[in-house]
């Protein structure tokens, strides 16, 4: 008889980081697909230009694919650190959009940018906790 051995996908120490990265990748990827499919409609209700909606959609789909790949690596810590930084950057961008008033956001647009900033901040925190567990 032969046995097939498969390496563990995650260990107890990296499980939170991998889960947070995968959840982030799937959620952001799905939002990206929706934005690409409905960029004109989203632009109308948010006040953001259609080009911005399309750009965010493309970025979101690519981000989702890349983060899923990073979560599958044996050494997940470097990718986890990069994803924490990316999420913090997105939080800063959302804050800058709100504070500068660079777009004529509607009420829905303002709410969407706030929710986006809070989402990326919460994901960064979960992923940071996951990274810290690897060094503990």
Protein backbone atom coordinates (compact mmCIF):
# COMPACT_ATOMS: atom_id res chain seq x y z
CA UNK A 1 0.00 0.00 0.00
CA UNK A 2 1.08 3.50 -0.58
CA UNK A 3 0.13 6.55 1.37
CA UNK A 4 -0.40 9.99 -0.01
CA UNK A 5 0.86 12.71 2.24
CA UNK A 6 -0.34 16.22 1.74
CA UNK A 7 1.31 19.11 3.55
CA UNK A 8 -0.90 21.02 5.93
CA UNK A 9 -2.54 24.05 4.33
CA UNK A 10 -2.20 25.94 7.56
CA UNK A 11 -0.95 25.50 11.06
CA UNK A 12 -2.60 26.73 14.21
CA UNK A 13 -0.28 29.74 14.23
CA UNK A 14 -0.96 30.90 10.68
CA UNK A 15 -4.64 29.96 10.42
CA UNK A 16 -5.99 33.42 11.32
CA UNK A 17 -3.73 35.18 8.84
CA UNK A 18 -4.59 32.79 6.01
CA UNK A 19 -8.31 33.03 6.80
CA UNK A 20 -8.26 36.83 6.97
CA UNK A 21 -6.30 37.06 3.72
CA UNK A 22 -8.60 34.63 1.89
CA UNK A 23 -11.76 36.32 3.16
CA UNK A 24 -10.36 39.72 2.14
CA UNK A 25 -9.41 38.43 -1.30
CA UNK A 26 -12.83 36.89 -1.95
CA UNK A 27 -14.82 39.87 -0.68
CA UNK A 28 -12.75 42.45 -2.54
CA UNK A 29 -12.65 40.33 -5.69
CA UNK A 30 -16.45 39.98 -5.74
CA UNK A 31 -16.88 43.72 -5.18
CA UNK A 32 -14.45 44.33 -8.05
CA UNK A 33 -16.45 42.15 -10.43
CA UNK A 34 -19.66 43.96 -9.42
CA UNK A 35 -18.00 47.35 -9.95
CA UNK A 36 -16.78 46.33 -13.39
CA UNK A 37 -20.24 45.13 -14.34
CA UNK A 38 -22.04 48.19 -12.96
CA UNK A 39 -19.50 51.01 -13.11
CA UNK A 40 -21.86 53.46 -14.79
CA UNK A 41 -24.65 52.83 -12.29
CA UNK A 42 -22.21 52.98 -9.35
CA UNK A 43 -20.81 56.27 -10.65
CA UNK A 44 -24.31 57.72 -10.86
CA UNK A 45 -25.22 56.87 -7.27
CA UNK A 46 -21.83 57.61 -5.63
CA UNK A 47 -20.70 60.72 -7.46
CA UNK A 48 -17.35 59.14 -8.28
CA UNK A 49 -16.28 59.32 -11.93
CA UNK A 50 -16.92 56.19 -14.00
CA UNK A 51 -13.18 55.90 -14.67
CA UNK A 52 -12.53 55.75 -10.91
CA UNK A 53 -15.19 53.06 -10.49
CA UNK A 54 -13.63 51.03 -13.32
CA UNK A 55 -10.13 51.51 -11.91
CA UNK A 56 -11.22 50.40 -8.46
CA UNK A 57 -12.97 47.42 -10.03
CA UNK A 58 -9.88 46.30 -11.94
CA UNK A 59 -7.65 46.86 -8.92
CA UNK A 60 -10.04 44.90 -6.71
CA UNK A 61 -10.14 41.87 -9.02
CA UNK A 62 -6.35 41.82 -9.37
CA UNK A 63 -5.93 42.33 -5.61
CA UNK A 64 -8.25 39.40 -4.94
CA UNK A 65 -6.29 37.04 -7.18
CA UNK A 66 -2.91 38.15 -5.82
CA UNK A 67 -3.97 37.92 -2.16
CA UNK A 68 -5.44 34.44 -2.71
CA UNK A 69 -2.10 33.38 -4.18
CA UNK A 70 -0.17 34.95 -1.28
CA UNK A 71 -2.39 33.18 1.26
CA UNK A 72 -1.51 29.84 -0.33
CA UNK A 73 2.26 30.25 -0.02
CA UNK A 74 4.18 28.13 2.48
CA UNK A 75 5.72 31.27 3.96
CA UNK A 76 2.63 33.42 4.43
CA UNK A 77 4.18 36.10 6.68
CA UNK A 78 5.78 38.32 3.98
CA UNK A 79 2.59 38.35 1.95
CA UNK A 80 0.58 39.02 5.10
CA UNK A 81 2.72 42.05 5.89
CA UNK A 82 2.26 43.34 2.33
CA UNK A 83 -1.52 42.91 2.57
CA UNK A 84 -1.64 44.75 5.91
CA UNK A 85 0.24 47.64 4.30
CA UNK A 86 -2.06 47.58 1.24
CA UNK A 87 -5.15 47.70 3.45
CA UNK A 88 -3.75 50.57 5.49
CA UNK A 89 -2.96 52.43 2.26
CA UNK A 90 -6.55 51.93 1.09
CA UNK A 91 -7.80 53.25 4.43
CA UNK A 92 -5.60 56.34 3.99
CA UNK A 93 -6.88 56.83 0.44
CA UNK A 94 -10.49 56.63 1.63
CA UNK A 95 -9.77 59.20 4.34
CA UNK A 96 -8.05 61.48 1.81
CA UNK A 97 -11.02 61.26 -0.57
CA UNK A 98 -13.34 62.30 2.24
CA UNK A 99 -11.14 65.01 3.72
CA UNK A 100 -10.15 66.69 0.47
CA UNK A 101 -13.58 66.61 -1.12
CA UNK A 102 -11.89 65.94 -4.46
CA UNK A 103 -15.04 64.29 -5.81
CA UNK A 104 -18.58 65.51 -5.58
CA UNK A 105 -19.73 62.52 -3.55
CA UNK A 106 -23.39 61.91 -2.98
CA UNK A 107 -24.64 60.71 0.39
CA UNK A 108 -24.38 57.13 -0.89
CA UNK A 109 -20.87 57.87 -2.16
CA UNK A 110 -19.79 59.28 1.19
CA UNK A 111 -21.21 56.24 2.96
CA UNK A 112 -19.51 53.88 0.49
CA UNK A 113 -16.12 55.54 1.01
CA UNK A 114 -16.54 55.45 4.81
CA UNK A 115 -17.53 51.76 4.73
CA UNK A 116 -14.59 51.01 2.45
CA UNK A 117 -12.17 52.76 4.80
CA UNK A 118 -13.57 50.96 7.83
CA UNK A 119 -13.51 47.60 6.04
CA UNK A 120 -9.87 47.97 5.02
CA UNK A 121 -8.94 49.12 8.53
CA UNK A 122 -10.66 46.11 10.15
CA UNK A 123 -9.04 43.70 7.67
CA UNK A 124 -5.64 45.27 8.28
CA UNK A 125 -6.12 44.76 12.02
CA UNK A 126 -7.15 41.11 11.66
CA UNK A 127 -4.26 40.43 9.31
CA UNK A 128 -1.83 42.25 11.61
CA UNK A 129 -2.97 40.09 14.52
CA UNK A 130 -2.41 37.05 12.28
CA UNK A 131 1.11 38.24 11.42
CA UNK A 132 1.88 38.84 15.12
CA UNK A 133 0.80 35.29 15.96
CA UNK A 134 3.52 34.01 13.64
CA UNK A 135 6.23 35.84 15.57
CA UNK A 136 4.93 34.96 19.04
